[in-house]
Amino acid sequence: MDERIELNRRNWNERTPIHATSQMYDLKAFRAGRITLTDIEIEEMGPVAGKSLLHLQCHFGQDTMSWARLGAKATGVDISDAAIKLANELNQELDIGARFIRSNIYDLPNVLDEQFDIVYTAIGVLCWLPDLRCWGQTIARYLKPGGTFYILDEHPSARTFAPDDFESDAYELKPNYPYFHDPGGFREEGERSTYAGKGTITTPVYEWQHSMSEIVNSLIGAGLQIEFLNEYPYTFFKALPTMVRGEDGWWRLADGHGKVPLIFSIRATK
């Protein structure tokens, strides 16, 4: 395994117990039957009842099990041992009938030999992948002929605006990070908080930026046909200091900062 991916696996093992007790993931509501998927995903994906679904980078499986609650025969895959352990515990406790596999995406063909009606991935996924060409090939490998791929994720342009100091009162909406891919990635280390819950993590972590053309071309290059690409001026969390949360739960840039694409979705077929 790539040493950087191994560090990320350890990092996500640290994050999982912190996330599991957070309000953001709200396991109490999930246990009570909450569907964790966004309205965008449910509408753009369409009916899933009776279809087989492979969820790549599923964390501890709330979205995977939400698709199962909507009728899909769902399988979730994640790199983190701790996340898959928790997913299996929740799946058994709630008797949802999903299936979970611990693997990184690039090694998945070594442990899973099936094809699915749907391959799905969403919300904070592409930044953890160093190679999108292999990612696209993996998606095509697991789709049945005529099958659907769907992704909803942070827009690559939005990632360029991340501030050096999130707490600064003098934040201006301007690019601080490159838009185009650097194969070496960006390494973050030292004691720091994660995006949900209280607690700190210490394992170094690597992230990679990918342009929109790289994302789209990785799917086309794997033989998929793009049905649509949509962009939205809001996002899942407070990604920038000037964001405010609307009554619909989405985070938007405050007035005076203009509108830029913050998330995107793609649906494609094999």
Protein backbone atom coordinates (compact mmCIF):
# COMPACT_ATOMS: atom_id res chain seq x y z
CA MET A 1 0.00 0.00 0.00
CA ASP A 2 1.15 3.54 -0.77
CA GLU A 3 2.66 4.92 2.45
CA ARG A 4 0.50 8.05 2.12
CA ILE A 5 -2.69 5.99 1.88
CA GLU A 6 -1.56 3.95 4.88
CA LEU A 7 -1.15 7.16 6.89
CA ASN A 8 -4.64 8.20 5.82
CA ARG A 9 -6.02 4.85 6.97
CA ARG A 10 -4.51 5.41 10.42
CA ASN A 11 -5.75 8.99 10.44
CA TRP A 12 -9.34 7.89 9.74
CA ASN A 13 -9.07 5.27 12.46
CA GLU A 14 -8.40 8.19 14.81
CA ARG A 15 -11.24 10.28 13.44
CA THR A 16 -13.95 7.62 13.61
CA PRO A 17 -14.61 7.53 17.39
CA ILE A 18 -14.64 11.35 17.48
CA HIS A 19 -17.12 11.52 14.60
CA ALA A 20 -19.30 8.80 16.14
CA THR A 21 -20.08 11.02 19.16
CA SER A 22 -20.56 14.24 17.16
CA GLN A 23 -23.74 16.19 16.53
CA MET A 24 -22.85 16.35 12.84
CA TYR A 25 -23.24 12.57 12.44
CA ASP A 26 -26.01 12.39 15.07
CA LEU A 27 -26.12 8.64 15.63
CA LYS A 28 -29.11 8.99 17.96
CA ALA A 29 -31.26 10.33 15.11
CA PHE A 30 -29.84 7.75 12.71
CA ARG A 31 -30.76 4.95 15.10
CA ALA A 32 -34.27 6.42 15.18
CA GLY A 33 -34.56 6.07 11.40
CA ARG A 34 -33.09 9.28 9.94
CA ILE A 35 -32.05 9.18 6.28
CA THR A 36 -28.66 10.90 6.08
CA LEU A 37 -28.70 11.51 2.32
CA THR A 38 -29.28 15.00 0.92
CA ASP A 39 -32.32 15.87 -1.18
CA ILE A 40 -29.94 16.43 -4.12
CA GLU A 41 -28.65 12.86 -3.98
CA ILE A 42 -32.08 11.30 -3.61
CA GLU A 43 -33.56 13.33 -6.47
CA GLU A 44 -30.65 13.01 -8.89
CA MET A 45 -30.06 9.33 -8.23
CA GLY A 46 -33.71 8.37 -8.66
CA PRO A 47 -35.36 5.20 -7.31
CA VAL A 48 -32.98 2.58 -5.93
CA ALA A 49 -35.40 -0.05 -4.63
CA GLY A 50 -34.31 -3.55 -5.62
CA LYS A 51 -31.02 -2.35 -7.14
CA SER A 52 -27.55 -3.42 -6.05
CA LEU A 53 -25.43 -0.46 -4.89
CA LEU A 54 -21.71 -0.16 -4.15
CA HIS A 55 -20.77 2.79 -1.94
CA LEU A 56 -17.10 3.75 -2.18
CA GLN A 57 -15.47 5.56 0.80
CA CYS A 58 -18.50 5.01 3.02
CA HIS A 59 -16.94 6.00 6.41
CA PHE A 60 -19.07 4.23 9.03
CA GLY A 61 -21.89 3.57 6.66
CA GLN A 62 -24.75 5.92 7.49
CA ASP A 63 -25.33 6.83 3.84
CA THR A 64 -24.88 3.20 2.78
CA MET A 65 -27.54 2.11 5.25
CA SER A 66 -29.74 5.05 4.23
CA TRP A 67 -29.74 3.73 0.66
CA ALA A 68 -30.62 0.33 2.11
CA ARG A 69 -33.50 1.94 3.99
CA LEU A 70 -34.69 3.24 0.61
CA GLY A 71 -34.65 -0.29 -0.78
CA ALA A 72 -31.19 -0.77 -2.27
CA LYS A 73 -29.08 -3.90 -1.77
CA ALA A 74 -26.16 -1.86 -0.43
CA THR A 75 -22.48 -2.65 0.03
CA GLY A 76 -20.16 -0.08 1.66
CA VAL A 77 -16.38 0.05 1.34
CA ASP A 78 -13.96 2.11 3.42
CA ILE A 79 -10.25 2.18 4.19
CA SER A 80 -10.68 2.58 7.96
CA ASP A 81 -10.78 -0.50 10.19
CA ALA A 82 -12.52 1.48 12.94
CA ALA A 83 -15.15 2.85 10.56
CA ILE A 84 -16.02 -0.56 9.10
CA LYS A 85 -16.17 -2.09 12.58
CA LEU A 86 -18.67 0.59 13.66
CA ALA A 87 -20.64 0.21 10.40
CA ASN A 88 -21.00 -3.53 10.98
CA GLU A 89 -22.09 -2.95 14.58
CA LEU A 90 -24.75 -0.43 13.54
CA ASN A 91 -25.91 -2.61 10.65
CA GLN A 92 -26.37 -5.58 12.97
CA GLU A 93 -27.97 -3.52 15.75
CA LEU A 94 -30.51 -1.93 13.40
CA ASP A 95 -30.99 -5.07 11.27
CA ILE A 96 -30.62 -3.10 8.04
CA GLY A 97 -29.10 -5.84 5.90
CA ALA A 98 -26.26 -3.88 4.29
CA ARG A 99 -22.76 -5.30 3.83
CA PHE A 100 -19.41 -3.68 4.63
CA ILE A 101 -15.87 -4.36 3.39
CA ARG A 102 -12.62 -2.84 4.62
CA SER A 103 -10.40 -1.93 1.67
CA ASN A 104 -8.89 1.05 -0.04
CA ILE A 105 -10.32 1.68 -3.49
CA TYR A 106 -7.22 0.67 -5.41
CA ASP A 107 -7.03 -2.78 -3.75
CA LEU A 108 -10.76 -3.51 -3.88
CA PRO A 109 -10.55 -5.92 -6.86
CA ASN A 110 -8.44 -8.19 -4.64
CA VAL A 111 -11.34 -8.69 -2.21
CA LEU A 112 -14.56 -8.07 -4.18
CA ASP A 113 -15.47 -9.75 -7.47
CA GLU A 114 -18.98 -8.57 -8.36
CA GLN A 115 -20.76 -5.95 -10.44
CA PHE A 116 -23.50 -3.55 -9.34
CA ASP A 117 -26.41 -1.58 -10.77
CA ILE A 118 -25.11 1.56 -9.04
CA VAL A 119 -21.71 2.78 -7.90
CA TYR A 120 -22.04 5.76 -5.57
CA THR A 121 -19.68 8.06 -3.67
CA ALA A 122 -20.25 11.38 -1.95
CA ILE A 123 -19.24 14.24 0.30
CA GLY A 124 -15.54 14.63 0.94
CA VAL A 125 -14.15 11.75 -1.10
CA LEU A 126 -11.95 12.79 -4.03
CA CYS A 127 -9.46 14.75 -1.93
CA TRP A 128 -8.23 11.47 -0.39
CA LEU A 129 -7.36 9.85 -3.74
CA PRO A 130 -3.96 10.34 -5.42
CA ASP A 131 -4.92 8.77 -8.77
CA LEU A 132 -8.26 9.45 -10.45
CA ARG A 133 -7.44 7.45 -13.57
CA CYS A 134 -7.42 4.26 -11.48
CA TRP A 135 -10.48 5.52 -9.60
CA GLY A 136 -12.43 5.79 -12.86
CA GLN A 137 -11.30 2.34 -13.94
CA THR A 138 -12.42 0.89 -10.61
CA ILE A 139 -15.87 2.44 -11.01
CA ALA A 140 -16.20 0.97 -14.51
CA ARG A 141 -14.96 -2.41 -13.24
CA TYR A 142 -17.80 -2.60 -10.70
CA LEU A 143 -20.65 -1.32 -12.86
CA LYS A 144 -22.90 -3.68 -14.76
CA PRO A 145 -23.48 -2.75 -18.41
CA GLY A 146 -26.09 0.01 -18.33
CA GLY A 147 -25.30 0.71 -14.68
CA THR A 148 -25.23 4.16 -13.09
CA PHE A 149 -22.39 6.01 -11.38
CA TYR A 150 -23.18 9.00 -9.16
CA ILE A 151 -21.02 11.43 -7.17
CA LEU A 152 -21.78 14.51 -5.07
CA ASP A 153 -18.69 16.26 -3.70
CA GLU A 154 -16.96 19.52 -2.90
CA HIS A 155 -16.28 21.56 -6.04
CA PRO A 156 -12.55 21.68 -6.90
CA SER A 157 -12.64 25.45 -7.31
CA ALA A 158 -14.07 25.85 -3.79
CA ARG A 159 -11.05 24.06 -2.33
CA THR A 160 -8.73 26.77 -3.67
CA PHE A 161 -10.38 29.38 -1.40
CA ALA A 162 -9.61 27.60 1.88
CA PRO A 163 -8.05 30.14 4.28
CA ASP A 164 -4.61 29.84 5.84
CA ASP A 165 -6.16 31.01 9.13
CA PHE A 166 -9.82 30.03 9.53
CA GLU A 167 -10.29 32.24 12.59
CA SER A 168 -9.05 35.42 10.93
CA ASP A 169 -11.50 38.34 10.80
CA ALA A 170 -9.78 39.65 7.68
CA TYR A 171 -10.66 36.77 5.35
CA GLU A 172 -11.07 37.66 1.70
CA LEU A 173 -12.47 35.34 -0.95
CA LYS A 174 -9.33 34.68 -3.00
CA PRO A 175 -7.40 31.60 -4.14
CA ASN A 176 -4.93 30.37 -1.52
CA TYR A 177 -4.22 26.92 -2.97
CA PRO A 178 -3.56 25.59 -6.51
CA TYR A 179 -6.49 24.46 -8.61
CA PHE A 180 -4.63 21.79 -10.57
CA HIS A 181 -3.45 18.39 -9.39
CA ASP A 182 -0.11 17.88 -7.66
CA PRO A 183 0.74 14.14 -7.56
CA GLY A 184 2.73 14.67 -4.36
CA GLY A 185 -0.33 15.87 -2.50
CA PHE A 186 -0.58 18.15 0.52
CA ARG A 187 0.62 16.83 3.89
CA GLU A 188 -0.92 18.04 7.13
CA GLU A 189 0.55 17.06 10.49
CA GLY A 190 0.61 17.98 14.16
CA GLU A 191 -2.16 17.85 16.75
CA ARG A 192 -5.37 19.27 15.33
CA SER A 193 -9.14 18.95 15.37
CA THR A 194 -11.18 17.10 12.82
CA TYR A 195 -14.23 18.52 11.05
CA ALA A 196 -16.81 16.95 13.39
CA GLY A 197 -16.90 16.35 17.13
CA LYS A 198 -14.62 17.24 20.00
CA GLY A 199 -11.16 15.74 20.20
CA THR A 200 -7.85 15.90 18.38
CA ILE A 201 -5.99 13.72 15.91
CA THR A 202 -2.21 13.40 15.53
CA THR A 203 -1.52 11.06 12.58
CA PRO A 204 -0.28 12.93 9.48
CA VAL A 205 -2.66 13.00 6.54
CA TYR A 206 -2.39 13.56 2.80
CA GLU A 207 -4.92 15.24 0.52
CA TRP A 208 -4.95 15.78 -3.25
CA GLN A 209 -6.55 18.47 -5.37
CA HIS A 210 -8.25 17.45 -8.63
CA SER A 211 -9.54 19.78 -11.33
CA MET A 212 -12.99 19.38 -12.83
CA SER A 213 -11.50 18.35 -16.17
CA GLU A 214 -9.46 15.62 -14.43
CA ILE A 215 -12.59 14.31 -12.69
CA VAL A 216 -14.70 14.25 -15.85
CA ASN A 217 -11.95 12.86 -18.07
CA SER A 218 -11.17 10.05 -15.63
CA LEU A 219 -14.75 8.84 -16.06
CA ILE A 220 -14.81 9.31 -19.83
CA GLY A 221 -11.44 7.57 -20.09
CA ALA A 222 -12.87 4.57 -18.25
CA GLY A 223 -15.63 4.28 -20.85
CA LEU A 224 -18.48 5.96 -18.98
CA GLN A 225 -20.95 8.32 -20.62
CA ILE A 226 -21.66 11.53 -18.70
CA GLU A 227 -25.40 12.20 -18.30
CA PHE A 228 -25.05 15.47 -16.41
CA LEU A 229 -22.71 17.67 -14.39
CA ASN A 230 -24.41 20.08 -11.97
CA GLU A 231 -22.88 22.84 -9.82
CA TYR A 232 -24.37 24.46 -6.71
CA PRO A 233 -23.56 27.68 -4.77
CA TYR A 234 -23.83 26.05 -1.33
CA THR A 235 -22.10 23.28 0.56
CA PHE A 236 -22.36 20.72 3.38
CA PHE A 237 -20.42 22.52 6.13
CA LYS A 238 -18.84 25.85 7.06
CA ALA A 239 -15.97 25.56 4.62
CA LEU A 240 -15.09 29.28 4.67
CA PRO A 241 -15.20 31.84 7.52
CA THR A 242 -17.78 34.06 5.79
CA MET A 243 -20.37 31.31 5.33
CA VAL A 244 -23.79 31.36 6.96
CA ARG A 245 -26.19 28.45 7.34
CA GLY A 246 -29.64 28.72 5.81
CA GLU A 247 -32.89 27.31 7.13
CA ASP A 248 -32.48 24.47 4.63
CA GLY A 249 -29.26 23.39 6.36
CA TRP A 250 -26.91 24.34 3.51
CA TRP A 251 -23.95 26.71 4.03
CA ARG A 252 -23.60 29.71 1.68
CA LEU A 253 -21.23 32.63 1.26
CA ALA A 254 -22.43 35.74 3.07
CA ASP A 255 -23.79 38.65 1.03
CA GLY A 256 -21.09 40.69 -0.65
CA HIS A 257 -18.77 37.77 -1.35
CA GLY A 258 -20.32 36.73 -4.64
CA LYS A 259 -21.35 33.26 -5.71
CA VAL A 260 -18.93 30.54 -6.73
CA PRO A 261 -19.59 26.82 -7.24
CA LEU A 262 -19.15 25.03 -3.91
CA ILE A 263 -20.36 21.50 -4.67
CA PHE A 264 -20.96 19.51 -7.85
CA SER A 265 -22.68 16.32 -8.90
CA ILE A 266 -22.13 13.96 -11.84
CA ARG A 267 -24.19 11.05 -13.08
CA ALA A 268 -22.76 8.72 -15.69
CA THR A 269 -23.62 5.35 -17.21
CA LYS A 270 -21.62 2.38 -18.41
